[in-house]
Protein backbone atom coordinates (compact mmCIF):
# COMPACT_ATOMS: atom_id res chain seq x y z
CA MET A 1 -14.41 -30.18 37.67
CA ALA A 2 -14.84 -30.77 33.94
CA ARG A 3 -17.27 -27.83 33.70
CA ALA A 4 -14.82 -25.57 35.55
CA ARG A 5 -12.01 -26.55 33.19
CA ALA A 6 -14.28 -25.93 30.20
CA ALA A 7 -15.11 -22.48 31.60
CA LEU A 8 -11.40 -21.67 32.05
CA ASP A 9 -10.68 -22.79 28.48
CA ALA A 10 -13.58 -20.64 27.28
CA LEU A 11 -12.19 -17.64 29.16
CA GLU A 12 -8.79 -18.15 27.56
CA HIS A 13 -10.39 -18.37 24.12
CA LEU A 14 -12.45 -15.22 24.72
CA ILE A 15 -9.43 -13.27 25.97
CA GLY A 16 -7.46 -14.44 22.94
CA GLY A 17 -10.36 -13.42 20.75
CA LEU A 18 -10.37 -10.00 22.38
CA GLY A 19 -7.01 -9.24 20.77
CA THR A 20 -8.16 -10.10 17.26
CA ALA A 21 -11.52 -8.39 17.91
CA LEU A 22 -9.72 -5.14 18.74
CA LEU A 23 -7.64 -5.54 15.58
CA ALA A 24 -10.84 -6.17 13.63
CA PHE A 25 -12.43 -3.06 15.15
CA ALA A 26 -9.40 -0.99 14.17
CA THR A 27 -9.59 -2.46 10.66
CA VAL A 28 -13.26 -1.49 10.40
CA MET A 29 -12.39 2.06 11.48
CA TRP A 30 -9.64 2.15 8.84
CA ILE A 31 -12.06 0.94 6.15
CA VAL A 32 -14.59 3.62 7.14
CA LEU A 33 -11.89 6.30 7.16
CA VAL A 34 -10.64 5.27 3.71
CA ALA A 35 -14.22 5.27 2.40
CA LEU A 36 -14.79 8.80 3.75
CA LEU A 37 -11.50 10.02 2.29
CA CYS A 38 -12.54 8.68 -1.11
CA VAL A 39 -14.99 11.59 -1.26
CA THR A 40 -12.01 13.94 -1.41
CA GLY A 41 -9.96 11.62 -3.64
CA ALA A 42 -7.26 10.92 -1.06
CA GLY A 43 -8.91 7.65 -0.11
CA PHE A 44 -8.19 6.12 -3.52
CA LEU A 45 -4.47 6.27 -2.72
CA LEU A 46 -5.05 4.39 0.54
CA ALA A 47 -7.62 1.92 -0.77
CA ARG A 48 -5.02 -0.62 -1.89
CA THR A 49 -3.83 -0.95 1.72
CA VAL A 50 -7.24 -2.24 2.84
CA PRO A 51 -6.97 -5.80 1.39
CA ARG A 52 -3.50 -6.25 2.91
CA VAL A 53 -4.61 -5.02 6.35
CA LEU A 54 -7.73 -7.16 6.12
CA ARG A 55 -5.75 -10.27 5.16
CA ALA A 56 -3.20 -9.70 7.95
CA VAL A 57 -5.90 -9.46 10.63
CA ALA A 58 -7.79 -12.45 9.20
CA ASP A 59 -4.59 -14.52 9.20
CA ARG A 60 -4.10 -13.68 12.88
CA GLU A 61 -7.56 -15.08 13.57
CA ARG A 62 -6.85 -18.14 11.43
CA GLY A 63 -3.73 -18.79 13.47
CA ARG A 64 -5.61 -18.34 16.75
CA LEU A 65 -8.40 -20.69 15.73
CA SER A 66 -5.91 -23.25 14.39
CA ARG A 67 -4.24 -23.41 17.81
CA TRP A 68 -7.56 -24.36 19.43
CA GLY A 69 -8.91 -26.73 16.81
CA PRO A 70 -8.67 -27.89 13.20
CA GLU A 71 -6.20 -25.89 11.15
CA ILE A 72 -7.58 -23.16 8.89
CA ILE A 73 -5.42 -22.69 5.81
CA GLY A 74 -5.07 -19.14 4.54
CA PRO A 75 -5.42 -18.21 0.86
CA GLY A 76 -2.00 -16.55 0.60
CA PRO A 77 -1.12 -12.90 -0.12
CA ALA A 78 -3.98 -10.50 -0.72
CA PRO A 79 -4.44 -8.97 -4.20
CA SER A 80 -2.73 -5.60 -4.50
CA ASP A 81 -5.29 -4.21 -6.94
CA VAL A 82 -8.57 -3.00 -5.42
CA ARG A 83 -10.73 -4.35 -8.24
CA ALA A 84 -9.06 -7.75 -8.04
CA ALA A 85 -9.57 -7.73 -4.27
CA LEU A 86 -13.28 -6.96 -4.64
CA ALA A 87 -13.59 -9.84 -7.10
CA ASP A 88 -11.74 -12.21 -4.74
CA THR A 89 -14.16 -14.47 -2.84
CA ALA A 90 -11.74 -14.83 0.08
CA VAL A 91 -11.46 -11.04 0.49
CA ARG A 92 -15.23 -10.63 0.47
CA ARG A 93 -15.60 -13.34 3.11
CA GLU A 94 -12.89 -11.70 5.21
CA LEU A 95 -14.70 -8.38 4.90
CA ALA A 96 -17.89 -9.95 6.22
CA TRP A 97 -15.95 -11.61 9.05
CA VAL A 98 -14.17 -8.43 10.16
CA PHE A 99 -17.45 -6.59 10.68
CA VAL A 100 -18.96 -9.51 12.62
CA HIS A 101 -15.87 -10.04 14.76
CA ALA A 102 -15.46 -6.31 15.43
CA THR A 103 -19.00 -6.21 16.85
CA LEU A 104 -20.26 -9.59 18.05
CA GLY A 105 -16.79 -10.99 18.78
CA LEU A 106 -15.75 -7.87 20.71
CA PHE A 107 -19.01 -7.89 22.68
CA LEU A 108 -18.62 -11.56 23.65
CA SER A 109 -15.00 -11.04 24.77
CA LEU A 110 -15.89 -8.00 26.87
CA ALA A 111 -18.94 -9.77 28.34
CA GLY A 112 -16.88 -12.81 29.30
CA ALA A 113 -14.12 -10.69 30.80
CA THR A 114 -16.67 -8.55 32.71
CA LEU A 115 -18.43 -11.57 34.22
CA THR A 116 -15.21 -13.23 35.38
CA LEU A 117 -13.33 -10.11 36.53
CA ASN A 118 -16.25 -8.96 38.71
CA THR A 119 -17.06 -12.34 40.25
CA VAL A 120 -14.30 -12.43 42.87
CA PRO A 121 -14.53 -8.73 43.96
CA TYR A 122 -18.31 -9.02 44.32
CA ILE A 123 -18.08 -12.22 46.37
CA ALA A 124 -15.45 -10.61 48.62
CA PHE A 125 -17.38 -7.32 48.82
CA PRO A 126 -18.45 -7.74 52.50
CA LEU A 127 -14.79 -7.81 53.50
CA TRP A 128 -13.86 -4.41 52.12
CA TRP A 129 -16.95 -2.30 51.44
CA ARG A 130 -16.58 -0.40 54.78
CA PHE A 131 -13.27 1.02 53.59
CA LEU A 132 -14.92 2.73 50.61
CA PRO A 133 -15.91 6.41 50.66
CA PRO A 134 -19.60 6.83 51.62
CA ASP A 135 -20.54 8.02 48.14
CA GLU A 136 -18.81 5.08 46.36
CA THR A 137 -20.42 2.06 48.01
CA ARG A 138 -22.40 1.09 44.92
CA PRO A 139 -20.57 -1.48 42.71
CA THR A 140 -20.68 -0.99 38.97
CA PHE A 141 -23.48 -3.40 38.14
CA VAL A 142 -25.51 -2.90 41.33
CA PHE A 143 -28.40 -0.40 41.40
CA TRP A 144 -28.52 0.17 45.19
CA ASP A 145 -26.19 1.83 47.68
CA VAL A 146 -24.66 -0.54 50.21
CA THR A 147 -25.20 0.80 53.70
CA ASP A 148 -25.21 -2.37 55.82
CA ASP A 149 -24.20 -6.03 55.79
CA SER A 150 -27.46 -7.18 54.22
CA GLY A 151 -26.82 -4.96 51.20
CA ALA A 152 -23.26 -6.31 50.97
CA LEU A 153 -24.59 -9.89 51.03
CA LEU A 154 -26.85 -9.05 48.12
CA VAL A 155 -23.74 -7.98 46.19
CA VAL A 156 -22.27 -11.41 47.00
CA LEU A 157 -25.33 -13.01 45.42
CA VAL A 158 -24.79 -10.91 42.30
CA GLY A 159 -21.15 -12.07 42.16
CA VAL A 160 -22.18 -15.71 42.55
CA ALA A 161 -24.77 -15.26 39.81
CA MET A 162 -22.10 -13.80 37.51
CA GLY A 163 -19.78 -16.74 38.17
CA VAL A 164 -22.51 -19.30 37.60
CA ALA A 165 -23.64 -17.49 34.46
CA PHE A 166 -20.15 -17.68 32.95
CA LEU A 167 -19.70 -21.27 34.11
CA VAL A 168 -22.85 -22.21 32.18
CA ALA A 169 -22.67 -19.83 29.21
CA GLY A 170 -18.89 -19.30 28.84
CA PRO A 171 -18.14 -22.32 26.59
CA GLY A 172 -21.08 -21.40 24.36
CA MET A 173 -19.87 -17.81 24.14
CA ALA A 174 -16.42 -18.99 23.08
CA ARG A 175 -17.90 -21.26 20.41
CA LEU A 176 -20.17 -18.48 19.17
CA GLN A 177 -17.22 -16.10 18.93
CA ALA A 178 -15.18 -18.63 16.94
CA TRP A 179 -18.03 -19.69 14.63
CA PRO A 180 -17.88 -16.74 12.16
CA GLY A 181 -14.12 -17.23 11.76
CA ARG A 182 -14.43 -20.95 11.09
CA ARG A 183 -17.33 -20.30 8.74
CA LEU A 184 -16.01 -17.31 6.79
CA LEU A 185 -12.21 -17.66 6.99
CA ALA A 186 -12.07 -21.27 5.82
CA PRO A 187 -11.07 -21.76 2.16
CA PRO A 188 -13.98 -21.43 -0.29
CA ALA A 189 -15.39 -24.61 -1.79
CA ASP A 190 -13.71 -24.01 -5.16
CA MET A 191 -10.31 -23.88 -3.45
CA ASP A 192 -10.72 -27.15 -1.55
CA LEU A 193 -9.52 -29.39 -4.39
CA SER A 194 -6.38 -27.39 -5.16
CA LEU A 195 -5.55 -27.09 -1.46
CA ARG A 196 -6.13 -30.80 -1.03
CA ILE A 197 -3.79 -31.57 -3.93
CA ALA A 198 -1.13 -29.29 -2.44
CA GLU A 199 -1.61 -30.86 0.98
CA LEU A 200 -1.30 -34.40 -0.40
CA SER A 201 1.81 -33.40 -2.35
CA ALA A 202 3.35 -31.95 0.81
CA THR A 203 2.47 -34.99 2.94
CA ARG A 204 3.77 -37.33 0.22
CA ALA A 205 7.07 -35.44 0.15
CA ALA A 206 7.20 -35.54 3.97
CA ALA A 207 6.50 -39.27 3.93
CA LEU A 208 9.30 -39.86 1.42
CA ASP A 209 11.68 -37.75 3.51
CA ALA A 210 10.67 -39.63 6.67
CA HIS A 211 11.18 -42.94 4.86
CA ALA A 212 14.63 -41.88 3.67
CA MET A 213 15.57 -40.71 7.17
CA GLU A 214 14.37 -44.02 8.61
CA LEU A 215 16.48 -45.96 6.12
CA ARG A 216 19.52 -43.83 7.01
CA ARG A 217 18.88 -44.44 10.71
CA ILE A 218 18.65 -48.20 10.17
CA GLU A 219 21.80 -48.16 8.00
CA ARG A 220 23.72 -46.23 10.67
CA SER A 221 22.51 -48.57 13.39
CA LEU A 222 23.58 -51.64 11.42
CA HIS A 223 26.87 -50.15 10.26
CA ASP A 224 27.98 -48.65 13.56
CA GLY A 225 26.61 -51.39 15.79
CA ALA A 226 25.85 -54.90 14.65
CA GLN A 227 28.22 -54.86 11.65
CA ASN A 228 31.20 -53.84 13.77
CA ARG A 229 30.30 -56.49 16.33
CA LEU A 230 30.14 -59.17 13.64
CA VAL A 231 33.50 -58.05 12.21
CA GLY A 232 34.91 -58.43 15.71
CA VAL A 233 33.38 -61.90 16.03
CA THR A 234 35.00 -62.95 12.74
CA MET A 235 38.42 -61.70 13.89
CA MET A 236 38.07 -63.40 17.29
CA ILE A 237 37.15 -66.71 15.64
CA GLY A 238 40.22 -66.39 13.40
CA VAL A 239 42.41 -65.74 16.45
CA ALA A 240 40.87 -68.77 18.19
CA ARG A 241 41.54 -71.05 15.20
CA ARG A 242 45.20 -70.00 15.09
CA ALA A 243 45.55 -70.39 18.85
CA LEU A 244 43.87 -73.79 18.87
CA ALA A 245 47.01 -75.56 17.65
CA ARG A 246 49.31 -73.65 19.98
CA ASP A 247 47.40 -73.25 23.25
CA PRO A 248 43.84 -74.61 23.65
CA ALA A 249 43.35 -72.48 26.78
CA ASP A 250 43.91 -69.27 24.81
CA ALA A 251 41.61 -70.58 22.07
CA ASP A 252 38.85 -71.19 24.63
CA ALA A 253 39.16 -67.61 25.98
CA ALA A 254 39.06 -66.21 22.43
CA LEU A 255 35.94 -68.26 21.64
CA GLU A 256 34.31 -66.98 24.83
CA ARG A 257 34.98 -63.37 23.79
CA ALA A 258 33.64 -64.13 20.31
CA GLN A 259 30.48 -65.58 21.83
CA GLU A 260 29.96 -62.45 23.97
CA ALA A 261 30.46 -60.21 20.93
CA ALA A 262 27.98 -62.31 18.94
CA GLU A 263 25.40 -62.00 21.72
CA GLN A 264 25.87 -58.21 21.77
CA ALA A 265 25.49 -58.08 17.98
CA LEU A 266 22.29 -60.13 18.25
CA ALA A 267 20.93 -57.75 20.92
CA GLU A 268 21.67 -54.74 18.72
CA LEU A 269 19.98 -56.41 15.75
CA ARG A 270 16.90 -57.01 17.90
CA THR A 271 16.93 -53.33 18.90
CA VAL A 272 17.04 -52.29 15.23
CA VAL A 273 14.17 -54.67 14.41
CA ARG A 274 12.08 -53.28 17.28
CA GLY A 275 12.68 -49.79 15.88
CA ILE A 276 11.24 -50.87 12.52
CA LEU A 277 8.13 -52.60 13.88
CA PRO A 278 7.89 -53.31 17.61
CA HIS A 279 7.40 -57.03 18.13
CA VAL A 280 5.20 -56.29 21.12
CA LEU A 281 2.53 -55.01 18.70
CA VAL A 282 2.40 -58.42 17.07
CA ASP A 283 2.41 -60.32 20.36
CA ARG A 284 0.17 -58.17 22.58
CA GLY A 285 -1.68 -55.85 20.22
CA LEU A 286 -1.99 -52.08 20.49
CA ALA A 287 -3.44 -52.11 24.03
CA GLY A 288 -0.62 -54.23 25.43
CA ALA A 289 2.06 -52.28 23.58
CA LEU A 290 0.78 -48.93 24.89
CA ALA A 291 0.49 -50.38 28.41
CA GLY A 292 4.19 -51.27 28.17
CA LEU A 293 5.04 -47.70 27.14
CA ALA A 294 2.99 -46.33 30.05
CA ALA A 295 4.81 -48.60 32.49
CA ASP A 296 8.15 -47.20 31.33
CA CYS A 297 6.99 -43.56 31.37
CA GLY A 298 8.73 -41.19 33.77
CA VAL A 299 5.41 -39.95 35.21
CA PRO A 300 2.38 -42.01 36.34
CA CYS A 301 0.43 -42.83 33.20
CA THR A 302 -2.91 -44.54 32.67
CA VAL A 303 -3.97 -46.17 29.41
CA ASP A 304 -7.55 -46.64 28.22
CA VAL A 305 -7.82 -48.51 24.91
CA ASP A 306 -11.16 -49.54 23.43
CA VAL A 307 -10.46 -50.67 19.87
CA PRO A 308 -12.45 -53.67 18.66
CA GLY A 309 -10.42 -55.84 16.33
CA ARG A 310 -7.06 -54.92 14.85
CA CYS A 311 -6.09 -52.02 12.63
CA ALA A 312 -3.54 -52.12 9.85
CA ALA A 313 -0.03 -52.79 11.09
CA SER A 314 1.22 -49.43 9.80
CA VAL A 315 -1.56 -47.58 11.64
CA GLU A 316 -0.88 -49.41 14.91
CA ALA A 317 2.85 -48.76 14.50
CA THR A 318 2.19 -45.05 13.94
CA ALA A 319 -0.02 -44.87 17.05
CA TYR A 320 2.69 -46.69 19.01
CA PHE A 321 5.55 -44.43 17.89
CA VAL A 322 3.44 -41.26 18.37
CA THR A 323 2.61 -42.36 21.93
CA ALA A 324 6.24 -43.28 22.63
CA GLU A 325 7.49 -39.87 21.45
CA ALA A 326 4.74 -37.99 23.30
CA LEU A 327 5.38 -39.82 26.58
CA THR A 328 9.11 -39.19 26.20
CA ASN A 329 8.41 -35.46 25.80
CA ILE A 330 6.13 -35.54 28.85
CA SER A 331 8.81 -37.24 30.95
CA LYS A 332 11.54 -34.80 29.87
CA HIS A 333 9.83 -31.43 29.58
CA SER A 334 6.30 -31.23 31.01
CA ARG A 335 6.90 -31.39 34.80
CA ALA A 336 3.60 -33.27 34.91
CA SER A 337 2.35 -35.36 37.81
CA ARG A 338 0.20 -37.63 35.66
CA ALA A 339 -0.58 -38.47 32.04
CA THR A 340 -3.37 -40.32 30.29
CA VAL A 341 -3.55 -42.12 26.96
CA VAL A 342 -6.98 -42.79 25.48
CA VAL A 343 -7.50 -44.69 22.22
CA ARG A 344 -10.86 -45.17 20.54
CA ARG A 345 -12.06 -46.33 17.17
CA GLU A 346 -14.92 -44.40 15.61
CA GLY A 347 -15.97 -45.76 12.26
CA ALA A 348 -13.03 -45.69 9.91
CA ARG A 349 -10.77 -43.57 12.13
CA LEU A 350 -8.52 -44.36 15.05
CA LEU A 351 -8.58 -41.59 17.67
CA LEU A 352 -5.62 -41.13 20.00
CA ARG A 353 -5.62 -38.61 22.85
CA ILE A 354 -2.59 -38.00 25.10
CA GLU A 355 -3.00 -35.54 27.97
CA ASP A 356 -0.80 -34.37 30.83
CA ASP A 357 -1.21 -31.83 33.62
CA GLY A 358 2.20 -30.23 33.15
CA ILE A 359 3.27 -26.65 32.55
CA GLY A 360 2.11 -26.54 28.92
CA GLY A 361 3.67 -24.28 26.33
CA ALA A 362 4.38 -27.06 23.81
CA ASP A 363 4.64 -25.82 20.22
CA ALA A 364 4.24 -28.16 17.27
CA GLN A 365 6.26 -25.73 15.12
CA ARG A 366 9.35 -26.06 17.31
CA GLY A 367 11.28 -29.16 18.27
CA SER A 368 12.09 -32.23 16.21
CA GLY A 369 9.97 -34.51 18.41
CA LEU A 370 6.64 -32.85 17.67
CA ALA A 371 7.64 -32.28 14.05
CA GLY A 372 8.39 -35.99 13.75
CA ILE A 373 5.01 -36.85 15.23
CA ARG A 374 3.25 -34.55 12.78
CA GLY A 375 5.20 -36.06 9.88
CA ARG A 376 4.21 -39.61 10.85
CA VAL A 377 0.56 -38.64 11.22
CA GLU A 378 0.35 -36.65 7.98
CA ALA A 379 2.06 -39.46 6.07
CA HIS A 380 -1.08 -41.53 6.84
CA ASP A 381 -3.36 -38.66 5.78
CA GLY A 382 -4.20 -38.18 9.45
CA ARG A 383 -4.69 -35.08 11.52
CA LEU A 384 -2.87 -33.81 14.60
CA THR A 385 -4.24 -31.19 16.99
CA LEU A 386 -2.13 -29.82 19.84
CA THR A 387 -3.59 -27.71 22.64
CA SER A 388 -0.98 -26.55 25.14
CA PRO A 389 -1.65 -23.19 26.80
CA ARG A 390 0.85 -21.80 29.30
CA GLY A 391 0.17 -23.48 32.63
CA GLY A 392 -1.30 -26.58 31.00
CA PRO A 393 -2.86 -28.94 30.41
CA THR A 394 -1.31 -30.24 27.20
CA ILE A 395 -3.62 -32.29 24.98
CA LEU A 396 -2.37 -34.06 21.87
CA GLN A 397 -5.12 -35.46 19.66
CA VAL A 398 -4.41 -37.64 16.64
CA GLU A 399 -6.83 -39.03 14.06
CA LEU A 400 -5.65 -41.82 11.77
CA PRO A 401 -7.67 -43.49 9.00
CA CYS A 402 -7.81 -47.20 9.67
CA GLY A 403 -10.39 -48.55 7.21
CA SER A 404 -13.95 -49.65 7.87
């Protein structure tokens, strides 16, 4: 089952890569055309369009690869001057990638599509070959004419071989197709430091914004909830004191209402405190806290936590809130029949994986829930990867540094 799912994922990656491979092939043709026109002089007028076209196609591939794995950050707008573009390391790497992807990437996509699209017709060939014209009974990749059932059964064997071949080789083909893009379209080494500084500045600003929003949320909760309750308690106690001399029965009823209001205020204060740092994390640890979230989830959810020792309280709280938000999204939007939460610790990183078998289509760029999850993760210098193709499954993977 796992191999079949891996093969389906590989097919989706190869089909997605087919689109960018065709764009890369068209870009190569445009580069060749511009080079030929340079002989007549007209190509020099079109040469400055090449870096922009190249950067646009490369950014499409960066976006595609980022949806299926670690994000690849683009270098920004392409240089408008041809000489500056030729001196740009990123442009030269993109130029190498576009030729590789237009050839090897296109071949791998077409090979994967050919293997899978012919598997089912070949396996079902004995059911419909008799309806073919006599001179068209030879399938595309078969070198003999089918004239009887034994020949048709041989076609079935070819179809089974194609399916098995893709089942075994498909994931490797998808990785091989993606490898040049991850190798050549990633930022050059001399850009890593500046990009890292920019990334840390952005995550620091996001963390400050998230902190300010959290303070505003706590202030609103205290002001609109517990504070109003306590004001009511104070007024009810004053009414009870004035009624005590006149009618003790009325004073007793007023004190009872004040006690109820005080209990409600205490419950709201506890809710606010749980929103800051869930007490269940302190009492039961991360495994127990996540088990409690799974029990309250709207779909059947299993939890598998294998984390020796304890992580920092802020890391455990982030993992808890990320899981809570993700399970809420699953309950509301996924139409899933089951969900799983897996937590592992590998060295100095805490790995969190949340998966459901719903309809997919989740987008980390849309919706405040996923944006909030990303903000929490990036505030800890962590990494979030979301895989959610149409039809599912949706897989949310989070890596958080947690010390050695």
